[in-house]
PDB file of N, CA and C in Angstrom:
ATOM      1  N   MET A   1     116.598-128.417 -97.133  1.00  0.00           N
ATOM      2  CA  MET A   1     116.583-128.768 -95.733  1.00  0.00           C
ATOM      3  C   MET A   1     117.652-129.827 -95.498  1.00  0.00           C
ATOM      4  N   SER A   2     118.416-129.661 -94.440  1.00  0.00           N
ATOM      5  CA  SER A   2     119.493-130.603 -94.146  1.00  0.00           C
ATOM      6  C   SER A   2     118.922-131.913 -93.618  1.00  0.00           C
ATOM      7  N   ALA A   3     119.733-132.933 -93.645  1.00  0.00           N
ATOM      8  CA  ALA A   3     119.312-134.241 -93.145  1.00  0.00           C
ATOM      9  C   ALA A   3     118.975-134.160 -91.663  1.00  0.00           C
ATOM     10  N   ARG A   4     119.752-133.376 -90.927  1.00  0.00           N
ATOM     11  CA  ARG A   4     119.509-133.221 -89.489  1.00  0.00           C
ATOM     12  C   ARG A   4     118.144-132.552 -89.231  1.00  0.00           C
ATOM     13  N   ALA A   5     117.827-131.523 -89.997  1.00  0.00           N
ATOM     14  CA  ALA A   5     116.545-130.830 -89.844  1.00  0.00           C
ATOM     15  C   ALA A   5     115.387-131.744 -90.231  1.00  0.00           C
ATOM     16  N   THR A   6     115.580-132.561 -91.245  1.00  0.00           N
ATOM     17  CA  THR A   6     114.540-133.501 -91.670  1.00  0.00           C
ATOM     18  C   THR A   6     114.262-134.525 -90.574  1.00  0.00           C
ATOM     19  N   ILE A   7     115.330-135.031 -89.960  1.00  0.00           N
ATOM     20  CA  ILE A   7     115.177-136.004 -88.867  1.00  0.00           C
ATOM     21  C   ILE A   7     114.473-135.355 -87.684  1.00  0.00           C
ATOM     22  N   LEU A   8     114.867-134.138 -87.338  1.00  0.00           N
ATOM     23  CA  LEU A   8     114.243-133.425 -86.225  1.00  0.00           C
ATOM     24  C   LEU A   8     112.761-133.181 -86.498  1.00  0.00           C
ATOM     25  N   ALA A   9     112.427-132.756 -87.710  1.00  0.00           N
ATOM     26  CA  ALA A   9     111.021-132.521 -88.069  1.00  0.00           C
ATOM     27  C   ALA A   9     110.222-133.817 -87.961  1.00  0.00           C
ATOM     28  N   GLY A  10     110.801-134.918 -88.428  1.00  0.00           N
ATOM     29  CA  GLY A  10     110.119-136.219 -88.330  1.00  0.00           C
ATOM     30  C   GLY A  10     109.903-136.630 -86.886  1.00  0.00           C
ATOM     31  N   ALA A  11     110.897-136.415 -86.045  1.00  0.00           N
ATOM     32  CA  ALA A  11     110.779-136.770 -84.629  1.00  0.00           C
ATOM     33  C   ALA A  11     109.699-135.936 -83.949  1.00  0.00           C
ATOM     34  N   LEU A  12     109.662-134.649 -84.249  1.00  0.00           N
ATOM     35  CA  LEU A  12     108.636-133.784 -83.660  1.00  0.00           C
ATOM     36  C   LEU A  12     107.232-134.208 -84.096  1.00  0.00           C
ATOM     37  N   THR A  13     107.108-134.601 -85.341  1.00  0.00           N
ATOM     38  CA  THR A  13     105.815-135.076 -85.842  1.00  0.00           C
ATOM     39  C   THR A  13     105.377-136.325 -85.090  1.00  0.00           C
ATOM     40  N   LEU A  14     106.294-137.255 -84.867  1.00  0.00           N
ATOM     41  CA  LEU A  14     105.964-138.480 -84.123  1.00  0.00           C
ATOM     42  C   LEU A  14     105.549-138.171 -82.698  1.00  0.00           C
ATOM     43  N   VAL A  15     106.282-137.266 -82.032  1.00  0.00           N
ATOM     44  CA  VAL A  15     105.939-136.899 -80.656  1.00  0.00           C
ATOM     45  C   VAL A  15     104.560-136.256 -80.608  1.00  0.00           C
ATOM     46  N   PHE A  16     104.279-135.345 -81.527  1.00  0.00           N
ATOM     47  CA  PHE A  16     102.980-134.680 -81.561  1.00  0.00           C
ATOM     48  C   PHE A  16     101.864-135.693 -81.821  1.00  0.00           C
ATOM     49  N   SER A  17     102.065-136.600 -82.773  1.00  0.00           N
ATOM     50  CA  SER A  17     101.053-137.606 -83.101  1.00  0.00           C
ATOM     51  C   SER A  17     100.782-138.508 -81.912  1.00  0.00           C
ATOM     52  N   ALA A  18     101.832-138.928 -81.217  1.00  0.00           N
ATOM     53  CA  ALA A  18     101.661-139.788 -80.037  1.00  0.00           C
ATOM     54  C   ALA A  18     100.906-139.051 -78.946  1.00  0.00           C
ATOM     55  N   SER A  19     101.212-137.762 -78.778  1.00  0.00           N
ATOM     56  CA  SER A  19     100.526-136.958 -77.769  1.00  0.00           C
ATOM     57  C   SER A  19      99.031-136.829 -78.084  1.00  0.00           C
ATOM     58  N   MET A  20      98.698-136.598 -79.344  1.00  0.00           N
ATOM     59  CA  MET A  20      97.300-136.465 -79.742  1.00  0.00           C
ATOM     60  C   MET A  20      96.565-137.798 -79.591  1.00  0.00           C
ATOM     61  N   ALA A  21      97.226-138.902 -79.916  1.00  0.00           N
ATOM     62  CA  ALA A  21      96.597-140.220 -79.762  1.00  0.00           C
ATOM     63  C   ALA A  21      96.320-140.498 -78.293  1.00  0.00           C
ATOM     64  N   ARG A  22      97.261-140.154 -77.419  1.00  0.00           N
ATOM     65  CA  ARG A  22      97.058-140.344 -75.985  1.00  0.00           C
ATOM     66  C   ARG A  22      95.907-139.480 -75.499  1.00  0.00           C
ATOM     67  N   ALA A  23      95.825-138.253 -75.975  1.00  0.00           N
ATOM     68  CA  ALA A  23      94.738-137.357 -75.581  1.00  0.00           C
ATOM     69  C   ALA A  23      93.395-137.924 -76.013  1.00  0.00           C
ATOM     70  N   ALA A  24      93.328-138.492 -77.197  1.00  0.00           N
ATOM     71  CA  ALA A  24      92.073-139.075 -77.675  1.00  0.00           C
ATOM     72  C   ALA A  24      91.666-140.251 -76.794  1.00  0.00           C
ATOM     73  N   ARG A  25      92.655-141.049 -76.365  1.00  0.00           N
ATOM     74  CA  ARG A  25      92.348-142.202 -75.512  1.00  0.00           C
ATOM     75  C   ARG A  25      91.905-141.774 -74.129  1.00  0.00           C
ATOM     76  N   THR A  26      92.527-140.738 -73.577  1.00  0.00           N
ATOM     77  CA  THR A  26      92.211-140.317 -72.221  1.00  0.00           C
ATOM     78  C   THR A  26      90.994-139.412 -72.163  1.00  0.00           C
ATOM     79  N   GLY A  27      90.553-138.912 -73.299  1.00  0.00           N
ATOM     80  CA  GLY A  27      89.341-138.100 -73.318  1.00  0.00           C
ATOM     81  C   GLY A  27      89.569-136.617 -73.111  1.00  0.00           C
ATOM     82  N   ALA A  28      90.809-136.158 -73.204  1.00  0.00           N
ATOM     83  CA  ALA A  28      91.067-134.731 -73.019  1.00  0.00           C
ATOM     84  C   ALA A  28      92.218-134.295 -73.905  1.00  0.00           C
ATOM     85  N   THR A  29      92.232-133.017 -74.196  1.00  0.00           N
ATOM     86  CA  THR A  29      93.337-132.429 -74.939  1.00  0.00           C
ATOM     87  C   THR A  29      94.130-131.556 -73.988  1.00  0.00           C
ATOM     88  N   ARG A  30      95.231-130.990 -74.457  1.00  0.00           N
ATOM     89  CA  ARG A  30      96.084-130.153 -73.597  1.00  0.00           C
ATOM     90  C   ARG A  30      95.310-128.996 -72.989  1.00  0.00           C
ATOM     91  N   SER A  31      94.377-128.443 -73.699  1.00  0.00           N
ATOM     92  CA  SER A  31      93.639-127.281 -73.194  1.00  0.00           C
ATOM     93  C   SER A  31      92.523-127.678 -72.238  1.00  0.00           C
ATOM     94  N   GLY A  32      92.392-128.980 -71.949  1.00  0.00           N
ATOM     95  CA  GLY A  32      91.334-129.435 -71.062  1.00  0.00           C
ATOM     96  C   GLY A  32      90.025-129.696 -71.777  1.00  0.00           C
ATOM     97  N   GLU A  33      89.991-129.453 -73.079  1.00  0.00           N
ATOM     98  CA  GLU A  33      88.794-129.722 -73.875  1.00  0.00           C
ATOM     99  C   GLU A  33      88.592-131.234 -73.985  1.00  0.00           C
ATOM    100  N   PRO A  34      87.359-131.693 -74.057  1.00  0.00           N
ATOM    101  CA  PRO A  34      87.135-133.124 -74.273  1.00  0.00           C
ATOM    102  C   PRO A  34      87.639-133.538 -75.655  1.00  0.00           C
ATOM    103  N   SER A  35      88.050-134.799 -75.781  1.00  0.00           N
ATOM    104  CA  SER A  35      88.506-135.303 -77.073  1.00  0.00           C
ATOM    105  C   SER A  35      87.341-135.363 -78.046  1.00  0.00           C
ATOM    106  N   SER A  36      87.664-135.578 -79.293  1.00  0.00           N
ATOM    107  CA  SER A  36      86.632-135.714 -80.322  1.00  0.00           C
ATOM    108  C   SER A  36      85.716-136.891 -80.003  1.00  0.00           C
ATOM    109  N   ILE A  37      86.286-137.956 -79.454  1.00  0.00           N
ATOM    110  CA  ILE A  37      85.476-139.130 -79.115  1.00  0.00           C
ATOM    111  C   ILE A  37      84.501-138.799 -77.986  1.00  0.00           C
ATOM    112  N   GLU A  38      84.972-138.109 -76.964  1.00  0.00           N
ATOM    113  CA  GLU A  38      84.087-137.735 -75.850  1.00  0.00           C
ATOM    114  C   GLU A  38      83.012-136.751 -76.308  1.00  0.00           C
ATOM    115  N   LYS A  39      83.411-135.769 -77.134  1.00  0.00           N
ATOM    116  CA  LYS A  39      82.418-134.840 -77.687  1.00  0.00           C
ATOM    117  C   LYS A  39      81.408-135.614 -78.529  1.00  0.00           C
ATOM    118  N   GLY A  40      81.925-136.561 -79.312  1.00  0.00           N
ATOM    119  CA  GLY A  40      81.062-137.372 -80.161  1.00  0.00           C
ATOM    120  C   GLY A  40      80.057-138.179 -79.365  1.00  0.00           C
ATOM    121  N   LYS A  41      80.485-138.713 -78.237  1.00  0.00           N
ATOM    122  CA  LYS A  41      79.568-139.482 -77.388  1.00  0.00           C
ATOM    123  C   LYS A  41      78.438-138.581 -76.885  1.00  0.00           C
ATOM    124  N   THR A  42      78.810-137.409 -76.402  1.00  0.00           N
ATOM    125  CA  THR A  42      77.809-136.457 -75.905  1.00  0.00           C
ATOM    126  C   THR A  42      76.851-136.054 -77.022  1.00  0.00           C
ATOM    127  N   LEU A  43      77.402-135.747 -78.192  1.00  0.00           N
ATOM    128  CA  LEU A  43      76.569-135.350 -79.333  1.00  0.00           C
ATOM    129  C   LEU A  43      75.694-136.505 -79.810  1.00  0.00           C
ATOM    130  N   PHE A  44      76.252-137.709 -79.867  1.00  0.00           N
ATOM    131  CA  PHE A  44      75.474-138.871 -80.293  1.00  0.00           C
ATOM    132  C   PHE A  44      74.273-139.057 -79.363  1.00  0.00           C
ATOM    133  N   HIS A  45      74.514-138.973 -78.068  1.00  0.00           N
ATOM    134  CA  HIS A  45      73.418-139.163 -77.109  1.00  0.00           C
ATOM    135  C   HIS A  45      72.373-138.059 -77.225  1.00  0.00           C
ATOM    136  N   SER A  46      72.816-136.819 -77.465  1.00  0.00           N
ATOM    137  CA  SER A  46      71.846-135.722 -77.525  1.00  0.00           C
ATOM    138  C   SER A  46      71.166-135.585 -78.888  1.00  0.00           C
ATOM    139  N   LYS A  47      71.874-135.845 -79.976  1.00  0.00           N
ATOM    140  CA  LYS A  47      71.314-135.621 -81.315  1.00  0.00           C
ATOM    141  C   LYS A  47      70.752-136.890 -81.947  1.00  0.00           C
ATOM    142  N   CYS A  48      71.282-138.051 -81.588  1.00  0.00           N
ATOM    143  CA  CYS A  48      70.898-139.308 -82.244  1.00  0.00           C
ATOM    144  C   CYS A  48      70.257-140.299 -81.285  1.00  0.00           C
ATOM    145  N   GLY A  49      70.458-140.070 -79.995  1.00  0.00           N
ATOM    146  CA  GLY A  49      70.045-141.031 -78.986  1.00  0.00           C
ATOM    147  C   GLY A  49      68.552-141.303 -78.925  1.00  0.00           C
ATOM    148  N   TYR A  50      67.756-140.311 -79.259  1.00  0.00           N
ATOM    149  CA  TYR A  50      66.304-140.489 -79.219  1.00  0.00           C
ATOM    150  C   TYR A  50      65.891-141.717 -80.023  1.00  0.00           C
ATOM    151  N   CYS A  51      66.534-141.932 -81.147  1.00  0.00           N
ATOM    152  CA  CYS A  51      66.217-143.085 -82.001  1.00  0.00           C
ATOM    153  C   CYS A  51      67.228-144.220 -81.872  1.00  0.00           C
ATOM    154  N   HIS A  52      68.502-143.892 -81.560  1.00  0.00           N
ATOM    155  CA  HIS A  52      69.553-144.896 -81.676  1.00  0.00           C
ATOM    156  C   HIS A  52      70.143-145.392 -80.367  1.00  0.00           C
ATOM    157  N   LEU A  53      69.525-145.088 -79.235  1.00  0.00           N
ATOM    158  CA  LEU A  53      69.910-145.736 -77.982  1.00  0.00           C
ATOM    159  C   LEU A  53      68.946-146.898 -77.737  1.00  0.00           C
ATOM    160  N   ALA A  54      69.194-147.680 -76.713  1.00  0.00           N
ATOM    161  CA  ALA A  54      68.363-148.851 -76.414  1.00  0.00           C
ATOM    162  C   ALA A  54      66.888-148.444 -76.343  1.00  0.00           C
ATOM    163  N   GLY A  55      66.049-149.174 -77.028  1.00  0.00           N
ATOM    164  CA  GLY A  55      64.613-148.924 -77.026  1.00  0.00           C
ATOM    165  C   GLY A  55      64.151-147.900 -78.042  1.00  0.00           C
ATOM    166  N   GLY A  56      65.067-147.242 -78.730  1.00  0.00           N
ATOM    167  CA  GLY A  56      64.698-146.238 -79.717  1.00  0.00           C
ATOM    168  C   GLY A  56      64.210-146.875 -81.008  1.00  0.00           C
ATOM    169  N   THR A  57      63.424-146.124 -81.761  1.00  0.00           N
ATOM    170  CA  THR A  57      62.866-146.624 -83.017  1.00  0.00           C
ATOM    171  C   THR A  57      63.951-147.079 -83.984  1.00  0.00           C
ATOM    172  N   GLY A  58      65.027-146.298 -84.103  1.00  0.00           N
ATOM    173  CA  GLY A  58      66.116-146.666 -85.005  1.00  0.00           C
ATOM    174  C   GLY A  58      66.771-147.971 -84.592  1.00  0.00           C
ATOM    175  N   THR A  59      66.958-148.158 -83.299  1.00  0.00           N
ATOM    176  CA  THR A  59      67.557-149.387 -82.790  1.00  0.00           C
ATOM    177  C   THR A  59      66.639-150.579 -83.056  1.00  0.00           C
ATOM    178  N   ILE A  60      65.362-150.398 -82.841  1.00  0.00           N
ATOM    179  CA  ILE A  60      64.396-151.477 -83.085  1.00  0.00           C
ATOM    180  C   ILE A  60      64.375-151.840 -84.564  1.00  0.00           C
ATOM    181  N   MET A  61      64.335-150.832 -85.435  1.00  0.00           N
ATOM    182  CA  MET A  61      64.294-151.089 -86.878  1.00  0.00           C
ATOM    183  C   MET A  61      65.578-151.767 -87.362  1.00  0.00           C
ATOM    184  N   LEU A  62      66.729-151.315 -86.862  1.00  0.00           N
ATOM    185  CA  LEU A  62      67.989-151.957 -87.243  1.00  0.00           C
ATOM    186  C   LEU A  62      68.022-153.406 -86.756  1.00  0.00           C
ATOM    187  N   GLY A  63      67.456-153.656 -85.592  1.00  0.00           N
ATOM    188  CA  GLY A  63      67.375-155.025 -85.079  1.00  0.00           C
ATOM    189  C   GLY A  63      66.551-155.917 -85.986  1.00  0.00           C
ATOM    190  N   PHE A  64      65.433-155.404 -86.476  1.00  0.00           N
ATOM    191  CA  PHE A  64      64.597-156.174 -87.410  1.00  0.00           C
ATOM    192  C   PHE A  64      65.324-156.427 -88.723  1.00  0.00           C
ATOM    193  N   ARG A  65      65.967-155.382 -89.254  1.00  0.00           N
ATOM    194  CA  ARG A  65      66.614-155.476 -90.569  1.00  0.00           C
ATOM    195  C   ARG A  65      67.945-156.215 -90.546  1.00  0.00           C
ATOM    196  N   LEU A  66      68.760-155.976 -89.518  1.00  0.00           N
ATOM    197  CA  LEU A  66      70.128-156.489 -89.526  1.00  0.00           C
ATOM    198  C   LEU A  66      70.438-157.500 -88.421  1.00  0.00           C
ATOM    199  N   GLY A  67      69.525-157.651 -87.478  1.00  0.00           N
ATOM    200  CA  GLY A  67      69.759-158.547 -86.348  1.00  0.00           C
ATOM    201  C   GLY A  67      70.134-157.770 -85.103  1.00  0.00           C
ATOM    202  N   LYS A  68      69.902-158.383 -83.953  1.00  0.00           N
ATOM    203  CA  LYS A  68      70.134-157.704 -82.676  1.00  0.00           C
ATOM    204  C   LYS A  68      71.586-157.297 -82.469  1.00  0.00           C
ATOM    205  N   ASP A  69      72.523-158.059 -83.023  1.00  0.00           N
ATOM    206  CA  ASP A  69      73.937-157.740 -82.826  1.00  0.00           C
ATOM    207  C   ASP A  69      74.359-156.460 -83.547  1.00  0.00           C
ATOM    208  N   LYS A  70      73.562-155.979 -84.480  1.00  0.00           N
ATOM    209  CA  LYS A  70      73.885-154.736 -85.192  1.00  0.00           C
ATOM    210  C   LYS A  70      72.877-153.629 -84.913  1.00  0.00           C
ATOM    211  N   ALA A  71      72.023-153.830 -83.934  1.00  0.00           N
ATOM    212  CA  ALA A  71      70.971-152.859 -83.658  1.00  0.00           C
ATOM    213  C   ALA A  71      71.490-151.593 -82.975  1.00  0.00           C
ATOM    214  N   LEU A  72      72.350-151.738 -81.987  1.00  0.00           N
ATOM    215  CA  LEU A  72      72.877-150.582 -81.263  1.00  0.00           C
ATOM    216  C   LEU A  72      74.119-150.050 -81.972  1.00  0.00           C
ATOM    217  N   LEU A  73      74.027-148.844 -82.494  1.00  0.00           N
ATOM    218  CA  LEU A  73      75.140-148.262 -83.239  1.00  0.00           C
ATOM    219  C   LEU A  73      76.400-148.149 -82.383  1.00  0.00           C
ATOM    220  N   GLU A  74      76.246-147.840 -81.100  1.00  0.00           N
ATOM    221  CA  GLU A  74      77.394-147.681 -80.212  1.00  0.00           C
ATOM    222  C   GLU A  74      78.222-148.958 -80.079  1.00  0.00           C
ATOM    223  N   ASN A  75      77.610-150.104 -80.288  1.00  0.00           N
ATOM    224  CA  ASN A  75      78.308-151.382 -80.122  1.00  0.00           C
ATOM    225  C   ASN A  75      78.910-151.910 -81.412  1.00  0.00           C
ATOM    226  N   ARG A  76      78.573-151.307 -82.531  1.00  0.00           N
ATOM    227  CA  ARG A  76      79.026-151.830 -83.824  1.00  0.00           C
ATOM    228  C   ARG A  76      80.484-151.485 -84.089  1.00  0.00           C
ATOM    229  N   THR A  77      81.151-152.412 -84.770  1.00  0.00           N
ATOM    230  CA  THR A  77      82.552-152.205 -85.132  1.00  0.00           C
ATOM    231  C   THR A  77      82.731-152.204 -86.649  1.00  0.00           C
ATOM    232  N   ASP A  78      81.640-152.298 -87.390  1.00  0.00           N
ATOM    233  CA  ASP A  78      81.716-152.384 -88.851  1.00  0.00           C
ATOM    234  C   ASP A  78      81.390-151.068 -89.547  1.00  0.00           C
ATOM    235  N   LEU A  79      81.208-150.002 -88.803  1.00  0.00           N
ATOM    236  CA  LEU A  79      80.853-148.709 -89.396  1.00  0.00           C
ATOM    237  C   LEU A  79      82.107-147.922 -89.762  1.00  0.00           C
ATOM    238  N   THR A  80      82.015-147.158 -90.837  1.00  0.00           N
ATOM    239  CA  THR A  80      83.102-146.263 -91.223  1.00  0.00           C
ATOM    240  C   THR A  80      82.615-144.824 -91.138  1.00  0.00           C
ATOM    241  N   THR A  81      83.551-143.923 -91.016  1.00  0.00           N
ATOM    242  CA  THR A  81      83.221-142.502 -90.964  1.00  0.00           C
ATOM    243  C   THR A  81      82.465-142.080 -92.222  1.00  0.00           C
ATOM    244  N   THR A  82      82.946-142.519 -93.366  1.00  0.00           N
ATOM    245  CA  THR A  82      82.311-142.164 -94.641  1.00  0.00           C
ATOM    246  C   THR A  82      80.865-142.645 -94.677  1.00  0.00           C
ATOM    247  N   TYR A  83      80.621-143.874 -94.243  1.00  0.00           N
ATOM    248  CA  TYR A  83      79.261-144.425 -94.249  1.00  0.00           C
ATOM    249  C   TYR A  83      78.356-143.648 -93.298  1.00  0.00           C
ATOM    250  N   ILE A  84      78.838-143.378 -92.095  1.00  0.00           N
ATOM    251  CA  ILE A  84      78.035-142.643 -91.108  1.00  0.00           C
ATOM    252  C   ILE A  84      77.657-141.269 -91.650  1.00  0.00           C
ATOM    253  N   GLU A  85      78.621-140.563 -92.221  1.00  0.00           N
ATOM    254  CA  GLU A  85      78.348-139.230 -92.756  1.00  0.00           C
ATOM    255  C   GLU A  85      77.371-139.294 -93.927  1.00  0.00           C
ATOM    256  N   HIS A  86      77.513-140.290 -94.779  1.00  0.00           N
ATOM    257  CA  HIS A  86      76.611-140.436 -95.925  1.00  0.00           C
ATOM    258  C   HIS A  86      75.174-140.709 -95.458  1.00  0.00           C
ATOM    259  N   VAL A  87      75.016-141.653 -94.541  1.00  0.00           N
ATOM    260  CA  VAL A  87      73.672-141.986 -94.056  1.00  0.00           C
ATOM    261  C   VAL A  87      73.047-140.788 -93.350  1.00  0.00           C
ATOM    262  N   ALA A  88      73.827-140.090 -92.538  1.00  0.00           N
ATOM    263  CA  ALA A  88      73.289-138.936 -91.819  1.00  0.00           C
ATOM    264  C   ALA A  88      72.831-137.845 -92.786  1.00  0.00           C
ATOM    265  N   ARG A  89      73.588-137.596 -93.830  1.00  0.00           N
ATOM    266  CA  ARG A  89      73.240-136.525 -94.770  1.00  0.00           C
ATOM    267  C   ARG A  89      72.190-136.951 -95.789  1.00  0.00           C
ATOM    268  N   SER A  90      72.120-138.237 -96.119  1.00  0.00           N
ATOM    269  CA  SER A  90      71.178-138.702 -97.151  1.00  0.00           C
ATOM    270  C   SER A  90      69.930-139.356 -96.579  1.00  0.00           C
ATOM    271  N   GLY A  91      70.024-139.888 -95.364  1.00  0.00           N
ATOM    272  CA  GLY A  91      68.937-140.676 -94.803  1.00  0.00           C
ATOM    273  C   GLY A  91      68.987-142.088 -95.360  1.00  0.00           C
ATOM    274  N   ILE A  92      68.283-142.986 -94.697  1.00  0.00           N
ATOM    275  CA  ILE A  92      68.226-144.377 -95.155  1.00  0.00           C
ATOM    276  C   ILE A  92      66.990-145.015 -94.529  1.00  0.00           C
ATOM    277  N   GLY A  93      66.273-145.793 -95.296  1.00  0.00           N
ATOM    278  CA  GLY A  93      65.053-146.415 -94.771  1.00  0.00           C
ATOM    279  C   GLY A  93      64.114-145.359 -94.229  1.00  0.00           C
ATOM    280  N   SER A  94      63.713-145.529 -92.980  1.00  0.00           N
ATOM    281  CA  SER A  94      62.788-144.565 -92.371  1.00  0.00           C
ATOM    282  C   SER A  94      63.519-143.413 -91.681  1.00  0.00           C
ATOM    283  N   MET A  95      64.851-143.421 -91.714  1.00  0.00           N
ATOM    284  CA  MET A  95      65.615-142.331 -91.106  1.00  0.00           C
ATOM    285  C   MET A  95      65.686-141.153 -92.080  1.00  0.00           C
ATOM    286  N   PRO A  96      65.230-139.992 -91.626  1.00  0.00           N
ATOM    287  CA  PRO A  96      65.326-138.817 -92.505  1.00  0.00           C
ATOM    288  C   PRO A  96      66.764-138.314 -92.567  1.00  0.00           C
ATOM    289  N   ARG A  97      67.071-137.563 -93.602  1.00  0.00           N
ATOM    290  CA  ARG A  97      68.400-136.975 -93.704  1.00  0.00           C
ATOM    291  C   ARG A  97      68.523-135.859 -92.676  1.00  0.00           C
ATOM    292  N   LEU A  98      69.732-135.650 -92.185  1.00  0.00           N
ATOM    293  CA  LEU A  98      70.006-134.590 -91.220  1.00  0.00           C
ATOM    294  C   LEU A  98      70.713-133.452 -91.939  1.00  0.00           C
ATOM    295  N   THR A  99      70.176-132.259 -91.815  1.00  0.00           N
ATOM    296  CA  THR A  99      70.773-131.102 -92.478  1.00  0.00           C
ATOM    297  C   THR A  99      71.977-130.603 -91.680  1.00  0.00           C
ATOM    298  N   ARG A 100      72.762-129.744 -92.312  1.00  0.00           N
ATOM    299  CA  ARG A 100      73.913-129.137 -91.639  1.00  0.00           C
ATOM    300  C   ARG A 100      73.471-128.130 -90.577  1.00  0.00           C
ATOM    301  N   ILE A 101      72.230-127.733 -90.615  1.00  0.00           N
ATOM    302  CA  ILE A 101      71.678-126.865 -89.568  1.00  0.00           C
ATOM    303  C   ILE A 101      71.417-127.715 -88.317  1.00  0.00           C
ATOM    304  N   GLU A 102      70.821-128.899 -88.519  1.00  0.00           N
ATOM    305  CA  GLU A 102      70.517-129.797 -87.394  1.00  0.00           C
ATOM    306  C   GLU A 102      71.792-130.355 -86.756  1.00  0.00           C
ATOM    307  N   VAL A 103      72.707-130.810 -87.603  1.00  0.00           N
ATOM    308  CA  VAL A 103      73.978-131.374 -87.147  1.00  0.00           C
ATOM    309  C   VAL A 103      75.083-130.816 -88.056  1.00  0.00           C
ATOM    310  N   PRO A 104      75.795-129.793 -87.591  1.00  0.00           N
ATOM    311  CA  PRO A 104      76.882-129.239 -88.405  1.00  0.00           C
ATOM    312  C   PRO A 104      77.951-130.297 -88.712  1.00  0.00           C
ATOM    313  N   ASP A 105      78.716-130.078 -89.768  1.00  0.00           N
ATOM    314  CA  ASP A 105      79.746-131.031 -90.180  1.00  0.00           C
ATOM    315  C   ASP A 105      80.715-131.358 -89.050  1.00  0.00           C
ATOM    316  N   SER A 106      81.123-130.367 -88.282  1.00  0.00           N
ATOM    317  CA  SER A 106      82.077-130.614 -87.195  1.00  0.00           C
ATOM    318  C   SER A 106      81.486-131.556 -86.150  1.00  0.00           C
ATOM    319  N   GLU A 107      80.192-131.399 -85.855  1.00  0.00           N
ATOM    320  CA  GLU A 107      79.532-132.291 -84.897  1.00  0.00           C
ATOM    321  C   GLU A 107      79.382-133.690 -85.478  1.00  0.00           C
ATOM    322  N   LEU A 108      79.062-133.779 -86.751  1.00  0.00           N
ATOM    323  CA  LEU A 108      78.917-135.084 -87.401  1.00  0.00           C
ATOM    324  C   LEU A 108      80.254-135.825 -87.405  1.00  0.00           C
ATOM    325  N   ARG A 109      81.347-135.102 -87.622  1.00  0.00           N
ATOM    326  CA  ARG A 109      82.676-135.732 -87.574  1.00  0.00           C
ATOM    327  C   ARG A 109      82.962-136.279 -86.181  1.00  0.00           C
ATOM    328  N   SER A 110      82.579-135.550 -85.147  1.00  0.00           N
ATOM    329  CA  SER A 110      82.779-136.024 -83.773  1.00  0.00           C
ATOM    330  C   SER A 110      81.921-137.253 -83.482  1.00  0.00           C
ATOM    331  N   ILE A 111      80.691-137.248 -83.957  1.00  0.00           N
ATOM    332  CA  ILE A 111      79.809-138.411 -83.780  1.00  0.00           C
ATOM    333  C   ILE A 111      80.411-139.621 -84.484  1.00  0.00           C
ATOM    334  N   ALA A 112      80.886-139.418 -85.709  1.00  0.00           N
ATOM    335  CA  ALA A 112      81.501-140.515 -86.465  1.00  0.00           C
ATOM    336  C   ALA A 112      82.762-141.015 -85.762  1.00  0.00           C
ATOM    337  N   ALA A 113      83.557-140.105 -85.186  1.00  0.00           N
ATOM    338  CA  ALA A 113      84.761-140.515 -84.445  1.00  0.00           C
ATOM    339  C   ALA A 113      84.376-141.385 -83.253  1.00  0.00           C
ATOM    340  N   TYR A 114      83.285-141.029 -82.582  1.00  0.00           N
ATOM    341  CA  TYR A 114      82.816-141.828 -81.446  1.00  0.00           C
ATOM    342  C   TYR A 114      82.348-143.213 -81.903  1.00  0.00           C
ATOM    343  N   LEU A 115      81.552-143.258 -82.948  1.00  0.00           N
ATOM    344  CA  LEU A 115      81.006-144.544 -83.398  1.00  0.00           C
ATOM    345  C   LEU A 115      82.063-145.451 -84.018  1.00  0.00           C
ATOM    346  N   THR A 116      83.170-144.887 -84.470  1.00  0.00           N
ATOM    347  CA  THR A 116      84.238-145.690 -85.071  1.00  0.00           C
ATOM    348  C   THR A 116      85.470-145.742 -84.166  1.00  0.00           C
ATOM    349  N   ARG A 117      85.295-145.417 -82.883  1.00  0.00           N
ATOM    350  CA  ARG A 117      86.423-145.386 -81.950  1.00  0.00           C
ATOM    351  C   ARG A 117      87.119-146.748 -81.875  1.00  0.00           C
ATOM    352  N   PRO A 118      88.391-146.728 -81.497  1.00  0.00           N
ATOM    353  CA  PRO A 118      89.147-147.988 -81.394  1.00  0.00           C
ATOM    354  C   PRO A 118      88.545-148.919 -80.336  1.00  0.00           C
ATOM    355  N   ALA A 119      88.782-150.192 -80.514  1.00  0.00           N
ATOM    356  CA  ALA A 119      88.255-151.214 -79.591  1.00  0.00           C
ATOM    357  C   ALA A 119      88.702-150.947 -78.157  1.00  0.00           C
ATOM    358  N   ALA A 120      89.905-150.449 -77.978  1.00  0.00           N
ATOM    359  CA  ALA A 120      90.423-150.188 -76.627  1.00  0.00           C
ATOM    360  C   ALA A 120      89.603-149.136 -75.894  1.00  0.00           C
ATOM    361  N   ASP A 121      88.923-148.269 -76.621  1.00  0.00           N
ATOM    362  CA  ASP A 121      88.128-147.202 -76.000  1.00  0.00           C
ATOM    363  C   ASP A 121      86.663-147.587 -75.812  1.00  0.00           C
ATOM    364  N   ARG A 122      86.283-148.748 -76.252  1.00  0.00           N
ATOM    365  CA  ARG A 122      84.873-149.122 -76.224  1.00  0.00           C
ATOM    366  C   ARG A 122      84.376-149.507 -74.839  1.00  0.00           C
ATOM    367  N   ASP A 123      85.182-150.104 -74.014  1.00  0.00           N
ATOM    368  CA  ASP A 123      84.720-150.533 -72.692  1.00  0.00           C
ATOM    369  C   ASP A 123      84.445-149.370 -71.752  1.00  0.00           C
ATOM    370  N   THR A 124      85.121-148.232 -71.940  1.00  0.00           N
ATOM    371  CA  THR A 124      84.922-147.082 -71.057  1.00  0.00           C
ATOM    372  C   THR A 124      83.899-146.098 -71.598  1.00  0.00           C
ATOM    373  N   ALA A 125      83.504-146.232 -72.843  1.00  0.00           N
ATOM    374  CA  ALA A 125      82.633-145.218 -73.462  1.00  0.00           C
ATOM    375  C   ALA A 125      81.156-145.508 -73.308  1.00  0.00           C
ATOM    376  N   LYS A 126      80.781-146.558 -72.639  1.00  0.00           N
ATOM    377  CA  LYS A 126      79.352-146.897 -72.521  1.00  0.00           C
ATOM    378  C   LYS A 126      78.689-146.197 -71.381  1.00  0.00           C
TER     379      LYS A 126
END
């Protein structure tokens, strides 16, 4: 590959990456589909919200164990995708493990993307 082609390929990659990052921030992709973060928010509320929204058993238990500042998963900034996926698949404390039938891997990835979203996206996602 020539130097010119390498530079062009690199430039196209940067443009594509910037476009995808902007789409994730704005909540939509080119096809009008919601971003992974927006899908994750919807999935989190429907699949996890029963226990992990305000007043839920999971939120109350996390408040007892870790303190009120870490009780609401949506507000936490210390979670990683790997940790979220591990806890969801293995369970922890009184939380049962979630099977791939209950929450498929693609949905779990979207939930993890929502819970680990950048700080700039946190004020609009509540």
